[in-house]
N, C-alpha and C. Protein backbone atom coordinates (compact mmCIF):
# COMPACT_ATOMS: atom_id res chain seq x y z
N MET A 1 70.48 105.41 90.55
CA MET A 1 71.21 105.26 91.59
C MET A 1 70.35 106.77 91.64
N SER A 2 71.15 106.82 93.18
CA SER A 2 69.70 107.76 94.02
C SER A 2 70.73 109.31 93.85
N GLY A 3 69.79 110.12 94.32
CA GLY A 3 70.44 111.48 94.27
C GLY A 3 72.03 111.81 94.83
N TYR A 4 70.82 111.17 96.44
CA TYR A 4 72.37 111.79 97.63
C TYR A 4 73.69 110.60 96.54
N LEU A 5 73.47 109.34 96.65
CA LEU A 5 74.87 108.58 96.24
C LEU A 5 75.68 109.28 95.22
N THR A 6 74.35 109.77 93.99
CA THR A 6 75.35 110.21 92.99
C THR A 6 76.58 111.24 93.52
N ALA A 7 75.82 112.01 94.63
CA ALA A 7 76.15 113.65 95.34
C ALA A 7 77.09 113.28 96.04
N VAL A 8 77.74 112.37 96.95
CA VAL A 8 78.91 112.13 97.08
C VAL A 8 79.55 110.96 96.37
N ILE A 9 79.44 110.60 95.65
CA ILE A 9 80.28 109.47 94.46
C ILE A 9 81.27 110.97 94.26
N SER A 10 80.80 112.04 93.52
CA SER A 10 80.89 113.40 92.89
C SER A 10 81.95 113.66 94.04
N ILE A 11 81.28 114.32 94.65
CA ILE A 11 82.41 115.54 95.81
C ILE A 11 83.06 114.41 96.15
N VAL A 12 82.94 113.05 97.15
CA VAL A 12 84.61 111.87 96.98
C VAL A 12 85.50 112.49 95.40
N ILE A 13 84.96 112.29 94.83
CA ILE A 13 85.99 112.10 93.34
C ILE A 13 86.92 113.58 92.69
N ILE A 14 85.62 114.57 93.30
CA ILE A 14 86.21 115.68 93.55
C ILE A 14 87.72 116.31 94.95
N LEU A 15 87.44 115.73 96.01
CA LEU A 15 88.15 116.19 96.82
C LEU A 15 89.30 114.65 96.88
N THR A 16 89.16 113.88 96.02
CA THR A 16 90.57 113.13 95.79
C THR A 16 91.27 113.91 94.96
N ALA A 17 90.36 113.98 93.59
CA ALA A 17 91.54 115.20 92.72
C ALA A 17 92.34 116.27 93.02
N PHE A 18 91.08 116.56 94.13
CA PHE A 18 91.67 117.87 95.04
C PHE A 18 93.64 117.09 95.36
N LEU A 19 93.25 116.23 96.29
CA LEU A 19 93.96 116.08 96.86
C LEU A 19 95.37 115.38 96.78
N ILE A 20 95.03 114.52 95.16
CA ILE A 20 96.27 113.95 94.89
C ILE A 20 97.06 114.50 93.85
N CYS A 21 96.77 115.95 93.32
CA CYS A 21 97.17 117.98 92.87
C CYS A 21 98.13 117.69 94.00
N PHE A 22 97.59 118.17 94.93
CA PHE A 22 98.14 118.75 95.89
C PHE A 22 99.30 117.97 96.45
N GLU A 23 99.66 116.39 96.29
CA GLU A 23 100.34 115.99 97.40
C GLU A 23 101.60 115.50 95.48
N LEU A 24 101.34 115.59 94.32
CA LEU A 24 101.67 115.51 93.21
C LEU A 24 102.78 116.71 93.14
N LYS A 25 102.76 117.66 93.85
CA LYS A 25 103.16 119.21 93.99
C LYS A 25 104.48 119.12 94.95
N LYS A 26 104.68 118.24 95.55
CA LYS A 26 105.45 117.10 96.50
C LYS A 26 105.56 118.20 98.00
N PRO A 27 104.18 119.22 98.86
CA PRO A 27 104.91 119.56 99.50
C PRO A 27 106.36 119.98 100.87
N SER A 28 106.91 120.97 100.77
CA SER A 28 107.78 120.44 101.24
C SER A 28 107.14 120.21 103.26
N ALA A 29 108.60 120.14 104.02
CA ALA A 29 107.39 119.40 105.43
C ALA A 29 106.92 121.20 106.04
N ALA A 30 108.45 122.02 105.84
CA ALA A 30 108.05 123.12 105.99
C ALA A 30 106.85 124.15 105.45
N ARG A 31 106.26 124.10 104.63
CA ARG A 31 105.04 124.31 103.95
C ARG A 31 103.51 123.73 104.79
N LEU A 32 104.02 121.93 104.79
CA LEU A 32 103.08 121.40 105.10
C LEU A 32 102.70 122.03 107.11
N MET A 33 104.36 122.37 107.70
CA MET A 33 104.05 122.41 109.11
C MET A 33 102.72 123.41 110.16
N PRO A 34 103.40 124.95 108.81
CA PRO A 34 101.14 125.26 109.50
C PRO A 34 99.72 124.62 109.28
N ILE A 35 100.19 123.74 108.07
CA ILE A 35 99.14 123.99 107.29
C ILE A 35 98.24 122.55 108.74
N VAL A 36 99.38 121.41 109.57
CA VAL A 36 98.69 120.70 110.28
C VAL A 36 98.72 121.47 111.35
N THR A 37 98.93 122.60 111.91
CA THR A 37 98.80 123.51 113.23
C THR A 37 98.05 123.52 112.75
N LEU A 38 97.39 124.44 111.98
CA LEU A 38 96.33 125.18 111.40
C LEU A 38 95.13 124.00 111.55
N VAL A 39 95.72 122.98 111.10
CA VAL A 39 94.03 122.04 111.47
C VAL A 39 93.74 121.17 112.89
N VAL A 40 94.97 120.65 113.97
CA VAL A 40 94.49 121.09 115.11
C VAL A 40 93.75 122.32 115.87
N ILE A 41 94.58 123.20 115.54
CA ILE A 41 93.47 124.40 116.36
C ILE A 41 92.08 124.92 115.64
N GLY A 42 92.40 124.43 114.60
CA GLY A 42 90.33 124.73 114.22
C GLY A 42 90.18 123.34 114.69
N SER A 43 90.45 122.03 114.76
CA SER A 43 89.70 121.39 115.25
C SER A 43 89.54 121.10 116.71
N VAL A 44 90.37 121.24 117.25
CA VAL A 44 90.35 121.70 118.39
C VAL A 44 89.33 122.86 118.99
N GLY A 45 89.29 123.58 118.20
CA GLY A 45 88.41 124.75 118.42
C GLY A 45 86.64 124.58 118.42
N ARG A 46 86.87 123.68 117.21
CA ARG A 46 85.86 123.12 116.97
C ARG A 46 84.80 122.10 117.88
N ILE A 47 86.14 121.39 118.15
CA ILE A 47 85.39 120.55 119.66
C ILE A 47 85.10 121.04 120.86
N ILE A 48 85.75 122.48 121.27
CA ILE A 48 85.70 123.16 121.78
C ILE A 48 84.22 123.89 122.44
N PHE A 49 83.81 124.03 120.80
CA PHE A 49 82.80 124.74 120.89
C PHE A 49 81.59 123.79 120.39
N ALA A 50 81.59 123.08 120.23
CA ALA A 50 80.42 121.54 119.65
C ALA A 50 79.04 122.04 120.75
N PHE A 51 79.25 122.47 121.56
CA PHE A 51 77.58 122.58 122.71
C PHE A 51 77.34 123.77 122.48
N VAL A 52 78.28 124.43 121.52
CA VAL A 52 77.28 125.66 121.28
C VAL A 52 76.79 125.93 119.93
N PRO A 53 75.54 125.50 119.38
CA PRO A 53 74.80 125.43 118.52
C PRO A 53 75.58 126.96 117.47
N GLN A 54 75.70 126.35 116.18
CA GLN A 54 76.59 127.29 115.09
C GLN A 54 77.77 127.94 115.61
N VAL A 55 78.35 128.22 116.40
CA VAL A 55 79.71 128.90 116.64
C VAL A 55 80.74 128.06 116.14
N GLN A 56 81.32 127.89 115.06
CA GLN A 56 82.18 127.08 114.39
C GLN A 56 83.70 127.95 114.08
N PRO A 57 84.57 127.99 115.23
CA PRO A 57 85.88 128.67 115.62
C PRO A 57 86.78 127.95 113.89
N LEU A 58 85.97 126.90 113.78
CA LEU A 58 86.76 126.37 112.67
C LEU A 58 86.98 126.59 111.65
N THR A 59 85.90 127.80 110.96
CA THR A 59 85.14 128.15 109.71
C THR A 59 86.36 129.43 109.74
N ALA A 60 86.60 130.76 111.18
CA ALA A 60 87.52 130.96 110.64
C ALA A 60 88.98 131.06 110.48
N ILE A 61 89.34 130.00 111.10
CA ILE A 61 90.69 129.51 111.41
C ILE A 61 91.26 129.00 109.83
N VAL A 62 89.99 128.55 109.09
CA VAL A 62 89.90 128.13 107.85
C VAL A 62 90.04 129.35 106.85
N ILE A 63 89.37 130.29 106.92
CA ILE A 63 89.99 131.46 106.20
C ILE A 63 90.74 132.23 106.32
N ILE A 64 91.31 132.43 107.75
CA ILE A 64 92.86 132.84 107.77
C ILE A 64 93.70 132.01 107.13
N SER A 65 93.36 130.40 107.13
CA SER A 65 94.57 129.66 106.47
C SER A 65 94.38 129.86 105.15
N GLY A 66 93.45 130.43 104.23
CA GLY A 66 93.48 130.66 103.10
C GLY A 66 93.89 131.85 102.71
N ALA A 67 93.42 132.62 103.33
CA ALA A 67 94.00 134.75 103.66
C ALA A 67 95.44 134.66 103.35
N CYS A 68 96.26 133.38 104.51
CA CYS A 68 97.57 134.11 104.78
C CYS A 68 98.67 132.97 103.96
N LEU A 69 97.09 131.78 103.39
CA LEU A 69 98.38 130.67 102.88
C LEU A 69 98.18 130.13 101.23
N GLY A 70 97.00 131.15 101.09
CA GLY A 70 97.40 130.38 99.31
C GLY A 70 95.23 130.13 99.72
N PRO A 71 95.25 129.81 98.37
CA PRO A 71 94.25 129.25 98.32
C PRO A 71 94.44 127.57 98.13
N SER A 72 95.13 127.01 97.64
CA SER A 72 94.99 125.56 98.04
C SER A 72 95.20 124.73 99.11
N ASP A 73 96.57 125.51 99.65
CA ASP A 73 96.30 125.91 101.33
C ASP A 73 95.19 125.55 102.18
N GLY A 74 94.67 126.61 102.05
CA GLY A 74 93.53 127.00 103.12
C GLY A 74 92.62 125.89 102.41
N ALA A 75 92.30 125.16 101.03
CA ALA A 75 91.33 124.35 100.97
C ALA A 75 91.78 123.18 102.02
N MET A 76 92.81 122.62 101.95
CA MET A 76 93.46 121.73 102.29
C MET A 76 93.19 121.75 103.17
N THR A 77 93.19 123.06 104.50
CA THR A 77 92.86 123.30 105.68
C THR A 77 91.86 123.03 106.08
N GLY A 78 90.98 123.57 105.30
CA GLY A 78 89.35 122.98 105.39
C GLY A 78 88.98 121.40 105.18
N ILE A 79 89.31 120.74 104.05
CA ILE A 79 89.60 119.24 104.19
C ILE A 79 90.14 118.56 105.22
N LEU A 80 90.58 118.38 105.85
CA LEU A 80 91.50 117.58 106.85
C LEU A 80 91.05 118.55 107.57
N CYS A 81 90.43 119.70 108.30
CA CYS A 81 89.86 119.99 109.70
C CYS A 81 89.01 119.25 109.57
N ALA A 82 87.19 119.17 108.57
CA ALA A 82 86.52 118.58 108.73
C ALA A 82 86.80 117.27 109.24
N ALA A 83 87.37 116.05 108.25
CA ALA A 83 87.90 114.89 108.96
C ALA A 83 88.38 114.70 110.25
N ALA A 84 89.28 115.63 110.57
CA ALA A 84 90.23 115.26 111.79
C ALA A 84 88.84 116.07 112.75
N SER A 85 88.60 116.57 113.16
CA SER A 85 87.25 116.84 113.82
C SER A 85 86.30 116.03 113.71
N ASN A 86 85.58 115.71 112.76
CA ASN A 86 84.44 114.95 113.08
C ASN A 86 85.27 112.71 113.08
N VAL A 87 86.16 113.06 113.41
CA VAL A 87 86.93 111.77 113.86
C VAL A 87 85.93 111.81 116.01
N VAL A 88 86.15 112.99 116.56
CA VAL A 88 85.74 113.16 117.62
C VAL A 88 84.34 113.35 117.97
N LEU A 89 83.79 114.13 116.33
CA LEU A 89 82.32 114.19 116.65
C LEU A 89 80.82 113.68 115.79
N GLY A 90 81.80 112.60 115.42
CA GLY A 90 81.33 111.45 114.72
C GLY A 90 80.93 112.22 113.26
N GLN A 91 81.94 110.70 112.10
CA GLN A 91 82.09 110.70 111.26
C GLN A 91 80.69 110.27 110.80
N GLY A 92 80.25 110.73 109.18
CA GLY A 92 78.77 109.99 108.74
C GLY A 92 78.52 110.63 107.52
N PRO A 93 77.69 110.59 106.91
CA PRO A 93 77.51 110.63 105.75
C PRO A 93 77.05 112.49 105.52
N TRP A 94 77.30 113.01 106.40
CA TRP A 94 77.78 114.81 106.11
C TRP A 94 78.92 114.65 105.53
N THR A 95 79.79 114.01 106.37
CA THR A 95 81.37 114.50 106.11
C THR A 95 81.77 115.26 105.03
N PRO A 96 81.50 114.69 103.91
CA PRO A 96 81.97 114.73 102.31
C PRO A 96 81.10 116.53 102.25
N PHE A 97 79.86 116.44 102.42
CA PHE A 97 79.66 117.95 102.39
C PHE A 97 80.38 118.99 103.29
N GLN A 98 80.67 118.77 104.10
CA GLN A 98 81.17 119.14 105.15
C GLN A 98 82.84 119.86 105.09
N MET A 99 83.49 118.23 104.81
CA MET A 99 84.47 118.64 103.91
C MET A 99 85.18 119.50 102.53
N LEU A 100 83.85 118.89 101.73
CA LEU A 100 83.97 120.12 100.22
C LEU A 100 83.17 121.67 100.77
N ALA A 101 82.60 121.72 101.78
CA ALA A 101 82.38 122.95 102.23
C ALA A 101 83.43 123.95 102.39
N TRP A 102 84.13 123.68 103.68
CA TRP A 102 84.73 124.33 103.96
C TRP A 102 86.01 124.57 103.49
N GLY A 103 85.98 122.76 102.55
CA GLY A 103 87.45 123.12 101.19
C GLY A 103 87.32 124.78 100.45
N ILE A 104 86.37 124.63 99.97
CA ILE A 104 85.81 125.88 99.10
C ILE A 104 86.14 126.96 99.97
N VAL A 105 85.53 127.05 101.36
CA VAL A 105 85.63 128.30 102.02
C VAL A 105 87.01 128.75 102.13
N GLY A 106 87.83 127.68 102.78
CA GLY A 106 89.17 127.85 102.44
C GLY A 106 89.75 128.58 100.96
N ALA A 107 89.42 128.09 100.14
CA ALA A 107 89.86 128.30 99.07
C ALA A 107 89.66 129.41 98.57
N LEU A 108 88.37 130.47 98.15
CA LEU A 108 87.83 131.35 98.44
C LEU A 108 88.42 132.84 99.09
N ALA A 109 88.74 132.00 100.47
CA ALA A 109 89.84 133.13 101.05
C ALA A 109 91.32 133.47 100.40
N GLY A 110 91.27 132.25 99.90
CA GLY A 110 92.86 132.00 98.98
C GLY A 110 92.81 133.36 98.11
N LEU A 111 91.45 132.61 96.92
CA LEU A 111 91.79 133.68 96.20
C LEU A 111 91.49 135.17 96.23
N ILE A 112 90.41 135.42 97.16
CA ILE A 112 90.13 137.13 97.53
C ILE A 112 91.55 137.86 97.97
N SER A 113 92.40 137.51 99.59
CA SER A 113 93.16 137.87 98.96
C SER A 113 94.01 137.89 98.04
N LYS A 114 94.28 137.81 96.76
CA LYS A 114 95.30 137.72 96.35
C LYS A 114 94.85 138.91 94.93
N THR A 115 93.48 139.85 95.47
CA THR A 115 92.88 140.76 95.01
C THR A 115 93.87 142.16 95.81
N LYS A 116 93.72 143.37 95.05
CA LYS A 116 94.19 144.14 95.52
C LYS A 116 92.99 145.12 96.82
N SER A 117 93.31 144.69 97.79
CA SER A 117 93.26 145.31 99.29
C SER A 117 92.41 144.40 99.93
N GLY A 118 92.44 142.34 99.23
CA GLY A 118 91.81 141.45 99.79
C GLY A 118 92.13 140.69 100.73
N SER A 119 93.41 140.94 101.45
CA SER A 119 93.91 140.54 102.27
C SER A 119 93.46 141.16 103.78
N SER A 120 93.26 142.68 103.43
CA SER A 120 93.10 143.47 104.74
C SER A 120 92.27 142.72 105.55
N LEU A 121 91.92 143.32 106.88
CA LEU A 121 91.34 142.91 108.01
C LEU A 121 89.46 142.65 107.70
N ILE A 122 90.08 144.20 106.98
CA ILE A 122 88.20 144.67 106.60
C ILE A 122 87.87 143.91 105.50
N ALA A 123 88.24 142.79 104.59
CA ALA A 123 88.34 142.29 103.16
C ALA A 123 87.75 141.27 104.13
N ILE A 124 88.55 140.66 104.54
CA ILE A 124 88.66 139.14 105.23
C ILE A 124 87.73 138.91 105.95
N THR A 125 87.31 139.70 106.72
CA THR A 125 86.26 140.22 107.62
C THR A 125 84.77 140.02 107.12
N ALA A 126 84.65 140.81 106.68
CA ALA A 126 83.62 140.71 105.43
C ALA A 126 83.04 139.84 104.83
N TYR A 127 84.26 139.10 104.16
CA TYR A 127 83.99 137.65 103.56
C TYR A 127 84.05 136.62 104.54
N SER A 128 83.91 136.50 105.76
CA SER A 128 83.72 135.86 106.80
C SER A 128 82.22 135.65 107.06
N VAL A 129 81.40 136.71 107.07
CA VAL A 129 79.52 136.92 106.50
C VAL A 129 79.79 135.50 105.47
N ILE A 130 79.72 136.18 104.57
CA ILE A 130 79.71 135.11 103.58
C ILE A 130 79.96 133.50 103.32
N ALA A 131 81.35 133.40 103.60
CA ALA A 131 81.32 131.71 104.10
C ALA A 131 80.77 130.90 104.61
N GLY A 132 80.01 132.14 106.30
CA GLY A 132 78.45 131.23 106.50
C GLY A 132 77.45 130.87 105.71
N ALA A 133 77.34 131.84 104.79
CA ALA A 133 75.97 131.41 104.61
C ALA A 133 76.63 130.68 102.73
N ILE A 134 78.33 130.32 102.45
CA ILE A 134 78.63 129.71 101.62
C ILE A 134 78.51 128.20 102.30
N PHE A 135 78.92 127.89 103.23
CA PHE A 135 78.86 126.73 104.12
C PHE A 135 77.59 126.22 104.91
N SER A 136 76.73 126.46 104.97
CA SER A 136 75.42 126.91 104.88
C SER A 136 74.21 125.55 104.09
N ILE A 137 74.85 126.65 103.03
CA ILE A 137 73.97 126.26 101.42
C ILE A 137 74.79 124.72 101.42
N ILE A 138 75.87 125.30 101.42
CA ILE A 138 76.79 123.24 100.76
C ILE A 138 76.24 122.15 101.42
N THR A 139 76.68 122.56 102.98
CA THR A 139 75.70 121.12 103.67
C THR A 139 74.27 120.94 104.01
N ASP A 140 73.53 122.12 103.75
CA ASP A 140 72.15 122.39 103.54
C ASP A 140 71.86 120.89 102.35
N PHE A 141 73.00 121.15 101.47
CA PHE A 141 72.29 120.44 100.60
C PHE A 141 72.91 118.47 100.44
N TYR A 142 73.36 118.18 102.11
CA TYR A 142 73.33 117.17 102.10
C TYR A 142 71.87 116.32 102.80
N THR A 143 71.08 117.63 103.17
CA THR A 143 69.71 117.29 103.03
C THR A 143 68.83 117.17 101.72
N ILE A 144 69.51 117.81 101.02
CA ILE A 144 68.41 117.75 99.87
C ILE A 144 68.94 116.76 99.14
N PHE A 145 69.98 116.21 98.65
CA PHE A 145 70.07 115.24 98.49
C PHE A 145 69.68 113.69 99.38
N SER A 146 70.02 113.94 100.29
CA SER A 146 69.20 113.03 101.27
C SER A 146 67.72 111.97 100.98
N LEU A 147 67.18 113.51 101.55
CA LEU A 147 65.53 113.11 101.15
C LEU A 147 64.93 113.26 99.34
N TYR A 148 66.09 113.35 98.62
CA TYR A 148 66.19 112.90 97.18
C TYR A 148 64.78 112.78 95.93
N GLU A 149 64.54 111.75 96.52
CA GLU A 149 62.97 110.86 96.63
C GLU A 149 62.12 111.78 96.43
N SER A 150 61.95 112.67 97.04
CA SER A 150 60.46 113.26 97.93
C SER A 150 61.05 114.69 97.77
N MET A 151 62.24 115.33 96.83
CA MET A 151 62.74 116.73 96.81
C MET A 151 61.56 117.14 96.48
N THR A 152 60.54 118.57 96.26
CA THR A 152 61.03 119.46 95.09
C THR A 152 61.57 120.87 95.84
N PHE A 153 61.30 121.51 94.60
CA PHE A 153 62.09 122.57 94.20
C PHE A 153 61.51 123.89 95.51
N SER A 154 60.28 123.89 95.61
CA SER A 154 59.81 124.81 96.81
C SER A 154 60.62 124.45 98.40
N TYR A 155 60.39 122.60 98.68
CA TYR A 155 61.09 121.80 99.74
C TYR A 155 62.43 122.54 99.80
N ALA A 156 62.94 122.39 98.89
CA ALA A 156 64.68 122.22 98.24
C ALA A 156 64.88 124.16 99.34
N LEU A 157 64.13 124.66 98.58
CA LEU A 157 63.80 125.86 98.88
C LEU A 157 63.68 126.74 100.32
N THR A 158 62.44 125.71 100.77
CA THR A 158 62.59 125.87 102.00
C THR A 158 63.85 125.94 103.48
N ILE A 159 64.61 124.76 102.09
CA ILE A 159 65.77 124.12 103.91
C ILE A 159 66.32 124.92 103.67
N LEU A 160 66.91 125.20 102.16
CA LEU A 160 68.32 126.32 101.98
C LEU A 160 67.90 127.89 102.39
N VAL A 161 67.11 128.23 102.61
CA VAL A 161 66.34 129.76 103.35
C VAL A 161 66.31 129.37 104.72
N THR A 162 65.71 128.63 105.42
CA THR A 162 66.14 127.85 106.79
C THR A 162 67.04 128.00 107.80
N GLY A 163 67.86 127.01 106.72
CA GLY A 163 69.41 126.96 106.65
C GLY A 163 70.11 128.12 106.64
N LEU A 164 70.20 128.99 106.49
CA LEU A 164 70.44 130.39 105.84
C LEU A 164 70.31 131.41 107.48
N ILE A 165 68.84 131.08 107.90
CA ILE A 165 68.60 131.78 108.88
C ILE A 165 68.89 131.23 110.09
N PHE A 166 69.07 130.14 109.91
CA PHE A 166 69.76 128.95 111.77
C PHE A 166 70.92 129.25 111.40
N ASN A 167 72.32 130.08 110.37
CA ASN A 167 73.41 129.65 110.31
C ASN A 167 73.61 131.45 110.62
N VAL A 168 72.69 132.14 110.57
CA VAL A 168 73.49 133.40 111.41
C VAL A 168 73.81 134.05 112.44
N SER A 169 74.44 133.34 113.36
CA SER A 169 75.01 132.70 114.37
C SER A 169 76.45 132.60 114.72
N HIS A 170 75.95 131.93 113.03
CA HIS A 170 77.95 131.30 112.30
C HIS A 170 78.49 132.13 112.01
N MET A 171 77.36 132.89 110.50
CA MET A 171 77.78 133.92 110.21
C MET A 171 78.62 135.05 111.33
N ILE A 172 77.93 135.58 112.55
CA ILE A 172 78.04 136.49 113.19
C ILE A 172 79.32 136.22 113.95
N PHE A 173 79.75 135.24 114.55
CA PHE A 173 80.59 134.47 115.39
C PHE A 173 81.94 133.98 114.52
N ASN A 174 81.70 134.79 113.46
CA ASN A 174 82.93 134.53 111.58
C ASN A 174 83.71 135.46 111.74
N THR A 175 82.80 136.55 112.08
CA THR A 175 83.38 137.77 112.23
C THR A 175 84.11 138.40 113.16
N ILE A 176 83.57 137.90 114.43
CA ILE A 176 84.11 138.02 115.72
C ILE A 176 85.70 137.51 116.17
N PHE A 177 85.54 136.20 115.18
CA PHE A 177 86.81 134.95 115.87
C PHE A 177 87.72 135.83 114.70
N VAL A 178 87.70 135.97 113.41
CA VAL A 178 88.40 136.64 112.43
C VAL A 178 89.14 137.91 112.97
N ALA A 179 88.24 138.94 113.41
CA ALA A 179 88.67 139.86 113.68
C ALA A 179 90.10 139.69 114.84
N ILE A 180 89.28 138.62 115.74
CA ILE A 180 90.27 138.90 116.67
C ILE A 180 91.51 138.23 116.29
N LEU A 181 91.36 136.98 115.10
CA LEU A 181 92.13 136.37 115.17
C LEU A 181 93.12 136.67 113.63
N TYR A 182 92.85 137.38 112.92
CA TYR A 182 93.05 137.57 112.10
C TYR A 182 94.97 138.47 111.86
N THR A 183 94.95 139.39 112.14
CA THR A 183 95.79 139.65 112.16
C THR A 183 97.50 138.91 112.93
N PRO A 184 97.03 138.65 114.02
CA PRO A 184 98.06 137.87 114.82
C PRO A 184 98.54 136.58 114.65
N PHE A 185 97.40 135.90 113.54
CA PHE A 185 97.89 134.93 112.44
C PHE A 185 98.79 135.16 111.56
N LYS A 186 97.68 136.10 111.15
CA LYS A 186 98.52 136.75 110.06
C LYS A 186 100.21 136.80 110.11
N HIS A 187 100.33 137.48 110.85
CA HIS A 187 102.36 137.40 111.28
C HIS A 187 102.88 137.17 111.82
N MET A 188 101.66 135.49 112.61
CA MET A 188 102.96 134.35 112.90
C MET A 188 103.20 133.49 111.88
N LEU A 189 102.40 133.28 110.44
CA LEU A 189 101.89 133.07 109.28
C LEU A 189 103.08 133.05 108.21
N THR A 190 103.33 134.90 108.01
CA THR A 190 103.82 135.09 107.42
C THR A 190 105.46 135.32 107.59
N ARG A 191 105.44 135.09 109.34
CA ARG A 191 106.91 135.15 109.57
C ARG A 191 107.81 133.45 109.52
N VAL A 192 106.68 132.75 109.59
CA VAL A 192 106.95 131.46 109.44
C VAL A 192 107.66 130.87 107.93
N ARG A 193 106.56 131.36 107.17
CA ARG A 193 106.48 131.27 105.37
C ARG A 193 108.05 131.93 105.07
N LYS A 194 108.05 132.96 105.64
CA LYS A 194 109.81 133.83 105.19
C LYS A 194 110.59 132.86 106.19
N LYS A 195 111.07 132.16 107.17
CA LYS A 195 111.04 131.85 107.32
C LYS A 195 112.21 130.32 107.12
N TYR A 196 111.19 129.58 107.18
CA TYR A 196 111.75 128.04 106.03
C TYR A 196 111.06 127.98 104.53
N LEU A 197 110.50 128.89 103.85
CA LEU A 197 110.34 128.77 102.61
C LEU A 197 111.73 129.46 101.83
């Protein structure tokens, strides 16, 4: 079995396990509503900005989702955003890697927001830079595993470093989108949760 196939199967198992665990908790319609809304906003934002290389408002929406709704809901938002937006932008062997990457970004935002001062605008904006790097590294493993047979350590390192450099604009625009959107979205999502949950 090739390294790429092994990686994809592993990711699919991880994502499936998470989705099953989430579903077993029997989330209410009130809990799902904010997630669905953010998935739509994030997916539409990604599609609109698709013509601008490495500008991903979707990442900011996933970060905000995790920070406001918690790790589990943040991960679910990231996973569904990747799957939904790729219906328009194109599904492919890269999709599981994107689903995992955005899922992890959302989950980590949720975990950070639970720490002291972790839900502040400064903390979440700072994390948005790191989130761009996390997304870059995970999705670049798609390239590494797809070239598994001819891959060397130095070649893999070159791919990861080049990917990070290429994703600098992603990291910068993450901070801009989060700085603009975090506070109003936080107020809106907090109000929705208090009202319906």
